[in-house]
PDB file of N, CA and C in Angstrom:
ATOM      1  N   UNK A   1     -14.724  11.415 -19.204  1.00  0.00           N
ATOM      2  CA  UNK A   1     -14.066  10.630 -18.425  1.00  0.00           C
ATOM      3  C   UNK A   1     -12.616  11.064 -17.983  1.00  0.00           C
ATOM      4  N   UNK A   2     -12.626  11.466 -16.642  1.00  0.00           N
ATOM      5  CA  UNK A   2     -11.500  12.180 -15.975  1.00  0.00           C
ATOM      6  C   UNK A   2     -10.477  11.254 -15.573  1.00  0.00           C
ATOM      7  N   UNK A   3      -9.404  11.666 -15.857  1.00  0.00           N
ATOM      8  CA  UNK A   3      -8.109  10.932 -15.265  1.00  0.00           C
ATOM      9  C   UNK A   3      -7.341  11.992 -14.426  1.00  0.00           C
ATOM     10  N   UNK A   4      -6.928  11.783 -13.262  1.00  0.00           N
ATOM     11  CA  UNK A   4      -6.038  12.736 -12.534  1.00  0.00           C
ATOM     12  C   UNK A   4      -4.990  11.711 -11.893  1.00  0.00           C
ATOM     13  N   UNK A   5      -3.550  12.406 -12.117  1.00  0.00           N
ATOM     14  CA  UNK A   5      -2.423  11.570 -11.668  1.00  0.00           C
ATOM     15  C   UNK A   5      -1.604  12.629 -10.764  1.00  0.00           C
ATOM     16  N   UNK A   6      -1.213  12.080  -9.575  1.00  0.00           N
ATOM     17  CA  UNK A   6      -0.224  12.740  -8.808  1.00  0.00           C
ATOM     18  C   UNK A   6       1.102  12.020  -8.522  1.00  0.00           C
ATOM     19  N   UNK A   7       2.044  12.872  -8.208  1.00  0.00           N
ATOM     20  CA  UNK A   7       3.386  12.249  -8.195  1.00  0.00           C
ATOM     21  C   UNK A   7       3.644  11.609  -9.153  1.00  0.00           C
ATOM     22  N   UNK A   8       3.644  12.112 -10.479  1.00  0.00           N
ATOM     23  CA  UNK A   8       4.128  11.541 -11.633  1.00  0.00           C
ATOM     24  C   UNK A   8       5.575  11.824 -11.940  1.00  0.00           C
ATOM     25  N   UNK A   9       6.153  10.661 -12.258  1.00  0.00           N
ATOM     26  CA  UNK A   9       7.390  10.686 -12.880  1.00  0.00           C
ATOM     27  C   UNK A   9       7.627   9.935 -14.316  1.00  0.00           C
ATOM     28  N   UNK A  10       8.684   9.857 -14.615  1.00  0.00           N
ATOM     29  CA  UNK A  10       8.689   9.455 -15.970  1.00  0.00           C
ATOM     30  C   UNK A  10       8.646   8.136 -16.058  1.00  0.00           C
ATOM     31  N   UNK A  11       8.609   7.270 -15.034  1.00  0.00           N
ATOM     32  CA  UNK A  11       8.023   5.630 -15.261  1.00  0.00           C
ATOM     33  C   UNK A  11       6.714   5.198 -14.432  1.00  0.00           C
ATOM     34  N   UNK A  12       6.217   6.069 -13.545  1.00  0.00           N
ATOM     35  CA  UNK A  12       4.777   5.997 -13.306  1.00  0.00           C
ATOM     36  C   UNK A  12       4.381   6.816 -12.287  1.00  0.00           C
ATOM     37  N   UNK A  13       3.152   7.078 -12.257  1.00  0.00           N
ATOM     38  CA  UNK A  13       2.252   7.893 -11.028  1.00  0.00           C
ATOM     39  C   UNK A  13       2.330   7.108  -9.722  1.00  0.00           C
ATOM     40  N   UNK A  14       2.287   7.878  -8.345  1.00  0.00           N
ATOM     41  CA  UNK A  14       2.012   7.165  -7.184  1.00  0.00           C
ATOM     42  C   UNK A  14       0.775   6.859  -6.875  1.00  0.00           C
ATOM     43  N   UNK A  15      -0.012   7.918  -7.819  1.00  0.00           N
ATOM     44  CA  UNK A  15      -1.541   8.020  -7.537  1.00  0.00           C
ATOM     45  C   UNK A  15      -2.209   8.288  -8.838  1.00  0.00           C
ATOM     46  N   UNK A  16      -3.270   7.503  -9.206  1.00  0.00           N
ATOM     47  CA  UNK A  16      -4.068   7.739 -10.443  1.00  0.00           C
ATOM     48  C   UNK A  16      -5.614   7.938 -10.080  1.00  0.00           C
ATOM     49  N   UNK A  17      -6.269   8.753 -10.355  1.00  0.00           N
ATOM     50  CA  UNK A  17      -7.714   8.608  -9.934  1.00  0.00           C
ATOM     51  C   UNK A  17      -8.347   8.895 -11.182  1.00  0.00           C
ATOM     52  N   UNK A  18      -9.374   7.954 -11.311  1.00  0.00           N
ATOM     53  CA  UNK A  18     -10.333   7.644 -12.327  1.00  0.00           C
ATOM     54  C   UNK A  18     -11.776   7.846 -12.084  1.00  0.00           C
ATOM     55  N   UNK A  19     -12.515   8.781 -12.379  1.00  0.00           N
ATOM     56  CA  UNK A  19     -13.676   9.243 -11.666  1.00  0.00           C
ATOM     57  C   UNK A  19     -13.677   9.174 -10.141  1.00  0.00           C
ATOM     58  N   UNK A  20     -14.318   8.154  -9.389  1.00  0.00           N
ATOM     59  CA  UNK A  20     -14.243   7.975  -8.012  1.00  0.00           C
ATOM     60  C   UNK A  20     -13.442   6.782  -7.411  1.00  0.00           C
ATOM     61  N   UNK A  21     -12.530   6.254  -8.440  1.00  0.00           N
ATOM     62  CA  UNK A  21     -11.391   5.469  -7.991  1.00  0.00           C
ATOM     63  C   UNK A  21     -10.158   5.717  -8.130  1.00  0.00           C
ATOM     64  N   UNK A  22      -9.384   5.397  -6.918  1.00  0.00           N
ATOM     65  CA  UNK A  22      -8.101   5.507  -6.465  1.00  0.00           C
ATOM     66  C   UNK A  22      -7.058   4.499  -6.636  1.00  0.00           C
ATOM     67  N   UNK A  23      -6.014   4.391  -7.581  1.00  0.00           N
ATOM     68  CA  UNK A  23      -5.204   3.375  -7.465  1.00  0.00           C
ATOM     69  C   UNK A  23      -3.983   3.895  -7.237  1.00  0.00           C
ATOM     70  N   UNK A  24      -3.546   3.134  -6.141  1.00  0.00           N
ATOM     71  CA  UNK A  24      -2.158   3.619  -5.627  1.00  0.00           C
ATOM     72  C   UNK A  24      -0.732   2.652  -6.138  1.00  0.00           C
ATOM     73  N   UNK A  25      -0.035   3.215  -6.643  1.00  0.00           N
ATOM     74  CA  UNK A  25       1.123   2.095  -7.077  1.00  0.00           C
ATOM     75  C   UNK A  25       1.720   1.346  -5.707  1.00  0.00           C
ATOM     76  N   UNK A  26       2.609   0.441  -6.115  1.00  0.00           N
ATOM     77  CA  UNK A  26       3.186  -0.258  -5.013  1.00  0.00           C
ATOM     78  C   UNK A  26       3.999   0.674  -4.406  1.00  0.00           C
ATOM     79  N   UNK A  27       3.909   0.552  -2.877  1.00  0.00           N
ATOM     80  CA  UNK A  27       4.580   1.515  -1.715  1.00  0.00           C
ATOM     81  C   UNK A  27       5.423   0.401  -1.032  1.00  0.00           C
ATOM     82  N   UNK A  28       6.743   0.783  -1.081  1.00  0.00           N
ATOM     83  CA  UNK A  28       7.531   0.436  -0.203  1.00  0.00           C
ATOM     84  C   UNK A  28       8.354   1.727   0.863  1.00  0.00           C
ATOM     85  N   UNK A  29       8.761   0.730   1.835  1.00  0.00           N
ATOM     86  CA  UNK A  29       9.102   1.529   3.112  1.00  0.00           C
ATOM     87  C   UNK A  29      10.288   2.403   2.956  1.00  0.00           C
ATOM     88  N   UNK A  30      10.230   3.606   2.215  1.00  0.00           N
ATOM     89  CA  UNK A  30      11.275   4.567   1.796  1.00  0.00           C
ATOM     90  C   UNK A  30      11.817   5.325   3.085  1.00  0.00           C
ATOM     91  N   UNK A  31      10.993   5.136   4.104  1.00  0.00           N
ATOM     92  CA  UNK A  31      11.366   5.914   5.531  1.00  0.00           C
ATOM     93  C   UNK A  31      12.208   4.699   6.443  1.00  0.00           C
ATOM     94  N   UNK A  32      11.940   3.349   5.963  1.00  0.00           N
ATOM     95  CA  UNK A  32      12.426   2.552   6.705  1.00  0.00           C
ATOM     96  C   UNK A  32      13.116   1.536   6.302  1.00  0.00           C
ATOM     97  N   UNK A  33      13.966   1.804   5.267  1.00  0.00           N
ATOM     98  CA  UNK A  33      14.567   0.579   4.492  1.00  0.00           C
ATOM     99  C   UNK A  33      15.632  -0.252   5.248  1.00  0.00           C
ATOM    100  N   UNK A  34      15.511  -1.326   5.200  1.00  0.00           N
ATOM    101  CA  UNK A  34      16.625  -2.320   5.879  1.00  0.00           C
ATOM    102  C   UNK A  34      15.890  -2.926   7.286  1.00  0.00           C
ATOM    103  N   UNK A  35      14.797  -2.222   7.687  1.00  0.00           N
ATOM    104  CA  UNK A  35      14.299  -2.537   9.208  1.00  0.00           C
ATOM    105  C   UNK A  35      13.425  -3.628   9.166  1.00  0.00           C
ATOM    106  N   UNK A  36      12.869  -3.953  10.209  1.00  0.00           N
ATOM    107  CA  UNK A  36      11.856  -5.214  10.238  1.00  0.00           C
ATOM    108  C   UNK A  36      10.717  -5.045   9.696  1.00  0.00           C
ATOM    109  N   UNK A  37      10.040  -6.093   9.139  1.00  0.00           N
ATOM    110  CA  UNK A  37       8.949  -6.139   8.589  1.00  0.00           C
ATOM    111  C   UNK A  37       7.812  -5.141   8.934  1.00  0.00           C
ATOM    112  N   UNK A  38       7.660  -5.286  10.641  1.00  0.00           N
ATOM    113  CA  UNK A  38       6.714  -4.506  11.217  1.00  0.00           C
ATOM    114  C   UNK A  38       6.928  -2.900  10.812  1.00  0.00           C
ATOM    115  N   UNK A  39       8.435  -2.617  11.063  1.00  0.00           N
ATOM    116  CA  UNK A  39       8.515  -1.249  11.033  1.00  0.00           C
ATOM    117  C   UNK A  39       8.122  -0.698   9.402  1.00  0.00           C
ATOM    118  N   UNK A  40       8.694  -1.527   8.499  1.00  0.00           N
ATOM    119  CA  UNK A  40       8.603  -1.359   7.024  1.00  0.00           C
ATOM    120  C   UNK A  40       6.986  -1.225   6.736  1.00  0.00           C
ATOM    121  N   UNK A  41       6.307  -2.166   7.416  1.00  0.00           N
ATOM    122  CA  UNK A  41       4.937  -2.067   7.193  1.00  0.00           C
ATOM    123  C   UNK A  41       4.260  -0.792   7.828  1.00  0.00           C
ATOM    124  N   UNK A  42       4.805  -0.379   8.995  1.00  0.00           N
ATOM    125  CA  UNK A  42       4.121   0.821   9.743  1.00  0.00           C
ATOM    126  C   UNK A  42       4.508   2.102   8.675  1.00  0.00           C
ATOM    127  N   UNK A  43       5.558   2.032   7.958  1.00  0.00           N
ATOM    128  CA  UNK A  43       6.153   3.090   7.309  1.00  0.00           C
ATOM    129  C   UNK A  43       5.152   3.392   5.884  1.00  0.00           C
ATOM    130  N   UNK A  44       5.034   2.123   5.231  1.00  0.00           N
ATOM    131  CA  UNK A  44       4.245   2.146   4.244  1.00  0.00           C
ATOM    132  C   UNK A  44       2.605   2.728   4.260  1.00  0.00           C
ATOM    133  N   UNK A  45       1.991   1.896   5.450  1.00  0.00           N
ATOM    134  CA  UNK A  45       0.774   2.434   5.904  1.00  0.00           C
ATOM    135  C   UNK A  45       0.576   3.935   5.976  1.00  0.00           C
ATOM    136  N   UNK A  46       1.638   4.441   6.560  1.00  0.00           N
ATOM    137  CA  UNK A  46       1.438   5.750   7.013  1.00  0.00           C
ATOM    138  C   UNK A  46       1.416   6.619   5.562  1.00  0.00           C
ATOM    139  N   UNK A  47       2.471   6.056   4.791  1.00  0.00           N
ATOM    140  CA  UNK A  47       2.374   6.850   3.357  1.00  0.00           C
ATOM    141  C   UNK A  47       1.087   6.624   2.522  1.00  0.00           C
ATOM    142  N   UNK A  48       0.372   5.588   2.647  1.00  0.00           N
ATOM    143  CA  UNK A  48      -0.875   4.961   2.002  1.00  0.00           C
ATOM    144  C   UNK A  48      -1.823   6.007   2.712  1.00  0.00           C
ATOM    145  N   UNK A  49      -1.971   6.237   3.854  1.00  0.00           N
ATOM    146  CA  UNK A  49      -2.991   6.935   4.676  1.00  0.00           C
ATOM    147  C   UNK A  49      -2.765   8.573   4.078  1.00  0.00           C
ATOM    148  N   UNK A  50      -1.570   9.029   3.796  1.00  0.00           N
ATOM    149  CA  UNK A  50      -1.221  10.489   3.305  1.00  0.00           C
ATOM    150  C   UNK A  50      -1.606  10.207   1.890  1.00  0.00           C
ATOM    151  N   UNK A  51      -1.327   9.349   0.876  1.00  0.00           N
ATOM    152  CA  UNK A  51      -1.770   9.199  -0.091  1.00  0.00           C
ATOM    153  C   UNK A  51      -3.386   9.399  -0.606  1.00  0.00           C
ATOM    154  N   UNK A  52      -3.894   8.603   0.313  1.00  0.00           N
ATOM    155  CA  UNK A  52      -5.198   8.483   0.390  1.00  0.00           C
ATOM    156  C   UNK A  52      -6.020   9.790   0.644  1.00  0.00           C
ATOM    157  N   UNK A  53      -5.559  10.417   1.801  1.00  0.00           N
ATOM    158  CA  UNK A  53      -5.967  11.603   2.218  1.00  0.00           C
ATOM    159  C   UNK A  53      -5.912  12.919   1.179  1.00  0.00           C
ATOM    160  N   UNK A  54      -4.645  12.937   0.241  1.00  0.00           N
ATOM    161  CA  UNK A  54      -4.246  13.735  -0.826  1.00  0.00           C
ATOM    162  C   UNK A  54      -5.522  13.366  -1.954  1.00  0.00           C
ATOM    163  N   UNK A  55      -5.808  12.188  -2.037  1.00  0.00           N
ATOM    164  CA  UNK A  55      -6.889  11.697  -3.057  1.00  0.00           C
ATOM    165  C   UNK A  55      -8.275  11.909  -2.644  1.00  0.00           C
ATOM    166  N   UNK A  56      -8.368  12.239  -1.532  1.00  0.00           N
ATOM    167  CA  UNK A  56      -9.803  12.814  -0.822  1.00  0.00           C
ATOM    168  C   UNK A  56     -10.391  11.083  -0.801  1.00  0.00           C
ATOM    169  N   UNK A  57      -9.533  10.292  -0.141  1.00  0.00           N
ATOM    170  CA  UNK A  57     -10.148   8.990   0.163  1.00  0.00           C
ATOM    171  C   UNK A  57      -9.498   8.827   1.572  1.00  0.00           C
ATOM    172  N   UNK A  58     -10.132   7.372   1.987  1.00  0.00           N
ATOM    173  CA  UNK A  58      -9.182   6.978   3.194  1.00  0.00           C
ATOM    174  C   UNK A  58      -9.251   5.431   3.443  1.00  0.00           C
ATOM    175  N   UNK A  59      -8.652   4.609   4.416  1.00  0.00           N
ATOM    176  CA  UNK A  59      -8.342   3.444   4.575  1.00  0.00           C
ATOM    177  C   UNK A  59      -9.740   2.643   4.536  1.00  0.00           C
ATOM    178  N   UNK A  60     -10.870   3.325   5.206  1.00  0.00           N
ATOM    179  CA  UNK A  60     -12.131   2.864   5.380  1.00  0.00           C
ATOM    180  C   UNK A  60     -12.726   2.380   3.802  1.00  0.00           C
ATOM    181  N   UNK A  61     -12.302   3.150   2.837  1.00  0.00           N
ATOM    182  CA  UNK A  61     -12.847   3.052   1.501  1.00  0.00           C
ATOM    183  C   UNK A  61     -11.909   2.041   0.350  1.00  0.00           C
ATOM    184  N   UNK A  62     -10.858   1.410   0.985  1.00  0.00           N
ATOM    185  CA  UNK A  62      -9.908   0.460   0.284  1.00  0.00           C
ATOM    186  C   UNK A  62     -10.818  -0.641  -0.038  1.00  0.00           C
ATOM    187  N   UNK A  63     -10.827  -0.858  -1.341  1.00  0.00           N
ATOM    188  CA  UNK A  63     -11.499  -1.978  -2.147  1.00  0.00           C
ATOM    189  C   UNK A  63     -10.621  -3.264  -2.191  1.00  0.00           C
ATOM    190  N   UNK A  64      -9.281  -3.101  -2.688  1.00  0.00           N
ATOM    191  CA  UNK A  64      -8.664  -4.078  -2.645  1.00  0.00           C
ATOM    192  C   UNK A  64      -7.125  -3.742  -2.750  1.00  0.00           C
ATOM    193  N   UNK A  65      -6.244  -4.877  -2.002  1.00  0.00           N
ATOM    194  CA  UNK A  65      -4.906  -4.716  -1.603  1.00  0.00           C
ATOM    195  C   UNK A  65      -4.210  -5.951  -1.904  1.00  0.00           C
ATOM    196  N   UNK A  66      -3.199  -5.495  -2.551  1.00  0.00           N
ATOM    197  CA  UNK A  66      -2.067  -6.751  -2.876  1.00  0.00           C
ATOM    198  C   UNK A  66      -0.763  -6.506  -2.385  1.00  0.00           C
ATOM    199  N   UNK A  67      -0.167  -7.333  -1.590  1.00  0.00           N
ATOM    200  CA  UNK A  67       1.039  -7.226  -0.612  1.00  0.00           C
ATOM    201  C   UNK A  67       2.059  -8.303  -1.075  1.00  0.00           C
ATOM    202  N   UNK A  68       3.241  -7.810  -1.240  1.00  0.00           N
ATOM    203  CA  UNK A  68       4.119  -8.561  -1.828  1.00  0.00           C
ATOM    204  C   UNK A  68       5.040  -8.680  -0.512  1.00  0.00           C
ATOM    205  N   UNK A  69       5.734  -9.852  -0.090  1.00  0.00           N
ATOM    206  CA  UNK A  69       6.902 -10.240   0.832  1.00  0.00           C
ATOM    207  C   UNK A  69       7.942 -11.095   0.333  1.00  0.00           C
ATOM    208  N   UNK A  70       9.117 -10.648   0.472  1.00  0.00           N
ATOM    209  CA  UNK A  70      10.076 -11.341   0.186  1.00  0.00           C
ATOM    210  C   UNK A  70      10.169 -12.700   0.932  1.00  0.00           C
ATOM    211  N   UNK A  71       9.610 -12.821   2.069  1.00  0.00           N
ATOM    212  CA  UNK A  71       9.665 -13.974   2.733  1.00  0.00           C
ATOM    213  C   UNK A  71       8.338 -14.432   3.672  1.00  0.00           C
ATOM    214  N   UNK A  72       7.732 -15.276   3.407  1.00  0.00           N
ATOM    215  CA  UNK A  72       6.489 -15.841   4.011  1.00  0.00           C
ATOM    216  C   UNK A  72       6.716 -15.709   5.293  1.00  0.00           C
ATOM    217  N   UNK A  73       7.517 -16.318   5.702  1.00  0.00           N
ATOM    218  CA  UNK A  73       7.811 -16.328   7.355  1.00  0.00           C
ATOM    219  C   UNK A  73       7.507 -15.028   7.953  1.00  0.00           C
ATOM    220  N   UNK A  74       7.461 -13.791   7.394  1.00  0.00           N
ATOM    221  CA  UNK A  74       7.049 -12.593   7.994  1.00  0.00           C
ATOM    222  C   UNK A  74       5.518 -12.013   7.886  1.00  0.00           C
ATOM    223  N   UNK A  75       4.772 -13.018   7.450  1.00  0.00           N
ATOM    224  CA  UNK A  75       3.335 -13.023   7.147  1.00  0.00           C
ATOM    225  C   UNK A  75       2.771 -12.652   8.599  1.00  0.00           C
ATOM    226  N   UNK A  76       2.920 -13.204   9.560  1.00  0.00           N
ATOM    227  CA  UNK A  76       2.383 -12.782  10.865  1.00  0.00           C
ATOM    228  C   UNK A  76       2.929 -11.387  11.229  1.00  0.00           C
ATOM    229  N   UNK A  77       3.966 -11.355  11.236  1.00  0.00           N
ATOM    230  CA  UNK A  77       4.339 -10.065  11.559  1.00  0.00           C
ATOM    231  C   UNK A  77       4.098  -8.847  10.857  1.00  0.00           C
ATOM    232  N   UNK A  78       3.663  -8.876   9.775  1.00  0.00           N
ATOM    233  CA  UNK A  78       3.188  -8.019   8.766  1.00  0.00           C
ATOM    234  C   UNK A  78       1.558  -7.913   9.026  1.00  0.00           C
ATOM    235  N   UNK A  79       1.086  -9.158   9.353  1.00  0.00           N
ATOM    236  CA  UNK A  79      -0.558  -8.830   9.500  1.00  0.00           C
ATOM    237  C   UNK A  79      -0.739  -8.351  11.245  1.00  0.00           C
ATOM    238  N   UNK A  80       0.190  -8.550  11.983  1.00  0.00           N
ATOM    239  CA  UNK A  80       0.328  -7.775  13.030  1.00  0.00           C
ATOM    240  C   UNK A  80      -0.159  -6.220  12.947  1.00  0.00           C
ATOM    241  N   UNK A  81       0.624  -5.651  12.162  1.00  0.00           N
ATOM    242  CA  UNK A  81       0.390  -4.448  11.844  1.00  0.00           C
ATOM    243  C   UNK A  81      -0.661  -3.995  10.977  1.00  0.00           C
ATOM    244  N   UNK A  82      -1.049  -4.521   9.980  1.00  0.00           N
ATOM    245  CA  UNK A  82      -2.165  -4.699   9.227  1.00  0.00           C
ATOM    246  C   UNK A  82      -3.354  -4.583   9.876  1.00  0.00           C
ATOM    247  N   UNK A  83      -3.471  -5.661  10.776  1.00  0.00           N
ATOM    248  CA  UNK A  83      -4.755  -5.861  11.444  1.00  0.00           C
ATOM    249  C   UNK A  83      -5.208  -4.858  12.443  1.00  0.00           C
ATOM    250  N   UNK A  84      -4.194  -3.989  12.751  1.00  0.00           N
ATOM    251  CA  UNK A  84      -4.434  -2.856  13.908  1.00  0.00           C
ATOM    252  C   UNK A  84      -4.810  -1.579  13.152  1.00  0.00           C
ATOM    253  N   UNK A  85      -4.224  -1.539  11.867  1.00  0.00           N
ATOM    254  CA  UNK A  85      -4.479  -0.550  10.822  1.00  0.00           C
ATOM    255  C   UNK A  85      -5.715  -0.403  10.312  1.00  0.00           C
ATOM    256  N   UNK A  86      -6.111  -1.708   9.619  1.00  0.00           N
ATOM    257  CA  UNK A  86      -7.394  -1.466   8.846  1.00  0.00           C
ATOM    258  C   UNK A  86      -8.676  -1.392   9.785  1.00  0.00           C
ATOM    259  N   UNK A  87      -9.925  -0.800   9.042  1.00  0.00           N
ATOM    260  CA  UNK A  87     -11.022  -0.644   9.854  1.00  0.00           C
ATOM    261  C   UNK A  87     -11.712  -1.886   9.765  1.00  0.00           C
ATOM    262  N   UNK A  88     -12.352  -1.968  11.174  1.00  0.00           N
ATOM    263  CA  UNK A  88     -13.059  -3.368  11.467  1.00  0.00           C
ATOM    264  C   UNK A  88     -14.566  -3.020  10.592  1.00  0.00           C
ATOM    265  N   UNK A  89     -14.767  -4.205   9.825  1.00  0.00           N
ATOM    266  CA  UNK A  89     -16.024  -4.081   9.323  1.00  0.00           C
ATOM    267  C   UNK A  89     -15.743  -3.510   7.738  1.00  0.00           C
ATOM    268  N   UNK A  90     -14.610  -3.105   7.479  1.00  0.00           N
ATOM    269  CA  UNK A  90     -14.376  -2.320   6.112  1.00  0.00           C
ATOM    270  C   UNK A  90     -13.039  -2.941   5.737  1.00  0.00           C
ATOM    271  N   UNK A  91     -12.715  -4.135   5.893  1.00  0.00           N
ATOM    272  CA  UNK A  91     -11.401  -4.821   5.377  1.00  0.00           C
ATOM    273  C   UNK A  91     -11.576  -4.908   3.906  1.00  0.00           C
ATOM    274  N   UNK A  92     -10.839  -4.767   3.171  1.00  0.00           N
ATOM    275  CA  UNK A  92     -10.677  -4.980   1.603  1.00  0.00           C
ATOM    276  C   UNK A  92     -10.568  -6.540   1.261  1.00  0.00           C
ATOM    277  N   UNK A  93     -10.823  -6.824  -0.139  1.00  0.00           N
ATOM    278  CA  UNK A  93     -10.331  -7.887  -0.470  1.00  0.00           C
ATOM    279  C   UNK A  93      -8.800  -7.964  -0.798  1.00  0.00           C
ATOM    280  N   UNK A  94      -7.956  -8.769  -0.470  1.00  0.00           N
ATOM    281  CA  UNK A  94      -6.771  -8.863  -0.239  1.00  0.00           C
ATOM    282  C   UNK A  94      -6.141 -10.156  -0.855  1.00  0.00           C
ATOM    283  N   UNK A  95      -4.723  -9.938  -1.378  1.00  0.00           N
ATOM    284  CA  UNK A  95      -3.628 -11.176  -1.666  1.00  0.00           C
ATOM    285  C   UNK A  95      -2.565 -10.772  -1.056  1.00  0.00           C
ATOM    286  N   UNK A  96      -1.983 -11.812  -0.915  1.00  0.00           N
ATOM    287  CA  UNK A  96      -0.568 -11.816  -0.158  1.00  0.00           C
ATOM    288  C   UNK A  96       0.344 -12.796  -0.959  1.00  0.00           C
ATOM    289  N   UNK A  97       1.297 -12.259  -1.573  1.00  0.00           N
ATOM    290  CA  UNK A  97       2.232 -13.237  -2.228  1.00  0.00           C
ATOM    291  C   UNK A  97       3.586 -12.890  -1.986  1.00  0.00           C
ATOM    292  N   UNK A  98       4.336 -13.961  -2.266  1.00  0.00           N
ATOM    293  CA  UNK A  98       5.952 -14.105  -1.860  1.00  0.00           C
ATOM    294  C   UNK A  98       6.415 -13.546  -3.456  1.00  0.00           C
ATOM    295  N   UNK A  99       7.485 -12.614  -3.373  1.00  0.00           N
ATOM    296  CA  UNK A  99       8.443 -12.246  -4.409  1.00  0.00           C
ATOM    297  C   UNK A  99       9.921 -12.431  -3.946  1.00  0.00           C
ATOM    298  N   UNK A 100      10.562 -13.037  -4.714  1.00  0.00           N
ATOM    299  CA  UNK A 100      12.172 -13.164  -4.415  1.00  0.00           C
ATOM    300  C   UNK A 100      12.628 -11.835  -4.201  1.00  0.00           C
ATOM    301  N   UNK A 101      12.378 -10.985  -4.714  1.00  0.00           N
ATOM    302  CA  UNK A 101      13.270  -9.780  -4.640  1.00  0.00           C
ATOM    303  C   UNK A 101      12.141  -8.557  -4.830  1.00  0.00           C
ATOM    304  N   UNK A 102      11.977  -7.496  -4.278  1.00  0.00           N
ATOM    305  CA  UNK A 102      11.564  -6.154  -4.553  1.00  0.00           C
ATOM    306  C   UNK A 102      12.382  -5.316  -5.348  1.00  0.00           C
ATOM    307  N   UNK A 103      12.063  -3.870  -5.207  1.00  0.00           N
ATOM    308  CA  UNK A 103      12.738  -2.811  -5.937  1.00  0.00           C
ATOM    309  C   UNK A 103      14.113  -2.735  -5.751  1.00  0.00           C
ATOM    310  N   UNK A 104      14.227  -2.996  -4.364  1.00  0.00           N
ATOM    311  CA  UNK A 104      15.791  -3.026  -3.783  1.00  0.00           C
ATOM    312  C   UNK A 104      15.889  -4.307  -2.631  1.00  0.00           C
ATOM    313  N   UNK A 105      17.011  -4.568  -2.539  1.00  0.00           N
ATOM    314  CA  UNK A 105      17.180  -5.693  -1.569  1.00  0.00           C
ATOM    315  C   UNK A 105      16.657  -5.306  -0.080  1.00  0.00           C
ATOM    316  N   UNK A 106      16.805  -4.117   0.229  1.00  0.00           N
ATOM    317  CA  UNK A 106      16.584  -3.441   1.477  1.00  0.00           C
ATOM    318  C   UNK A 106      15.225  -3.532   1.982  1.00  0.00           C
ATOM    319  N   UNK A 107      14.022  -3.702   0.844  1.00  0.00           N
ATOM    320  CA  UNK A 107      12.787  -3.737   1.174  1.00  0.00           C
ATOM    321  C   UNK A 107      12.209  -5.133   1.120  1.00  0.00           C
ATOM    322  N   UNK A 108      11.369  -5.446   2.360  1.00  0.00           N
ATOM    323  CA  UNK A 108      10.912  -6.696   2.371  1.00  0.00           C
ATOM    324  C   UNK A 108       9.551  -6.907   2.320  1.00  0.00           C
ATOM    325  N   UNK A 109       8.909  -5.697   2.149  1.00  0.00           N
ATOM    326  CA  UNK A 109       7.365  -5.485   1.579  1.00  0.00           C
ATOM    327  C   UNK A 109       7.064  -4.494   0.891  1.00  0.00           C
ATOM    328  N   UNK A 110       5.854  -4.626  -0.041  1.00  0.00           N
ATOM    329  CA  UNK A 110       5.372  -3.802  -0.948  1.00  0.00           C
ATOM    330  C   UNK A 110       3.765  -3.854  -0.967  1.00  0.00           C
ATOM    331  N   UNK A 111       3.363  -2.897  -0.948  1.00  0.00           N
ATOM    332  CA  UNK A 111       1.815  -2.892  -0.760  1.00  0.00           C
ATOM    333  C   UNK A 111       1.296  -1.867  -1.925  1.00  0.00           C
ATOM    334  N   UNK A 112       0.212  -2.612  -2.551  1.00  0.00           N
ATOM    335  CA  UNK A 112      -0.532  -1.695  -3.458  1.00  0.00           C
ATOM    336  C   UNK A 112      -1.950  -1.872  -3.205  1.00  0.00           C
ATOM    337  N   UNK A 113      -2.873  -0.716  -3.858  1.00  0.00           N
ATOM    338  CA  UNK A 113      -4.301  -0.836  -3.395  1.00  0.00           C
ATOM    339  C   UNK A 113      -4.975  -0.063  -4.586  1.00  0.00           C
ATOM    340  N   UNK A 114      -6.306  -0.275  -4.371  1.00  0.00           N
ATOM    341  CA  UNK A 114      -7.293   0.405  -5.020  1.00  0.00           C
ATOM    342  C   UNK A 114      -8.250   0.703  -4.047  1.00  0.00           C
ATOM    343  N   UNK A 115      -8.881   1.928  -4.171  1.00  0.00           N
ATOM    344  CA  UNK A 115      -9.851   2.746  -3.050  1.00  0.00           C
ATOM    345  C   UNK A 115     -11.064   3.298  -3.824  1.00  0.00           C
ATOM    346  N   UNK A 116     -11.978   3.472  -3.263  1.00  0.00           N
ATOM    347  CA  UNK A 116     -12.973   4.448  -3.528  1.00  0.00           C
ATOM    348  C   UNK A 116     -12.838   5.940  -2.934  1.00  0.00           C
ATOM    349  N   UNK A 117     -13.424   6.748  -3.736  1.00  0.00           N
ATOM    350  CA  UNK A 117     -13.477   8.152  -3.048  1.00  0.00           C
ATOM    351  C   UNK A 117     -14.830   8.281  -2.650  1.00  0.00           C
ATOM    352  N   UNK A 118     -15.963   8.109  -2.834  1.00  0.00           N
ATOM    353  CA  UNK A 118     -17.191   8.070  -2.440  1.00  0.00           C
ATOM    354  C   UNK A 118     -17.896   7.050  -1.416  1.00  0.00           C
TER     355      UNK A 118
END
């Protein structure tokens, strides 16, 4: 059983790879704090693309995604960005839930996912 961890800190790893499954920690818009949900979503998805590439995977191999929004009124705005990013015919299982607050009040969305490498 092999486990590889990337971007590991004292509290968590951003990426954990077990066999051919990639687990990403919840990603927030570090490059777009306080901006619109669409801008934050774009920032997060760019980070996800980079982390998946580093793990030798890509968005066509996403198995499951969980999205947290601080306000469900932003659901359509987020989906507009998400829908243009995901690979048609390879959309993952997904859940979107509301959370009163994320890691910081300047973040309105967080996305975590699981992907395959093979």
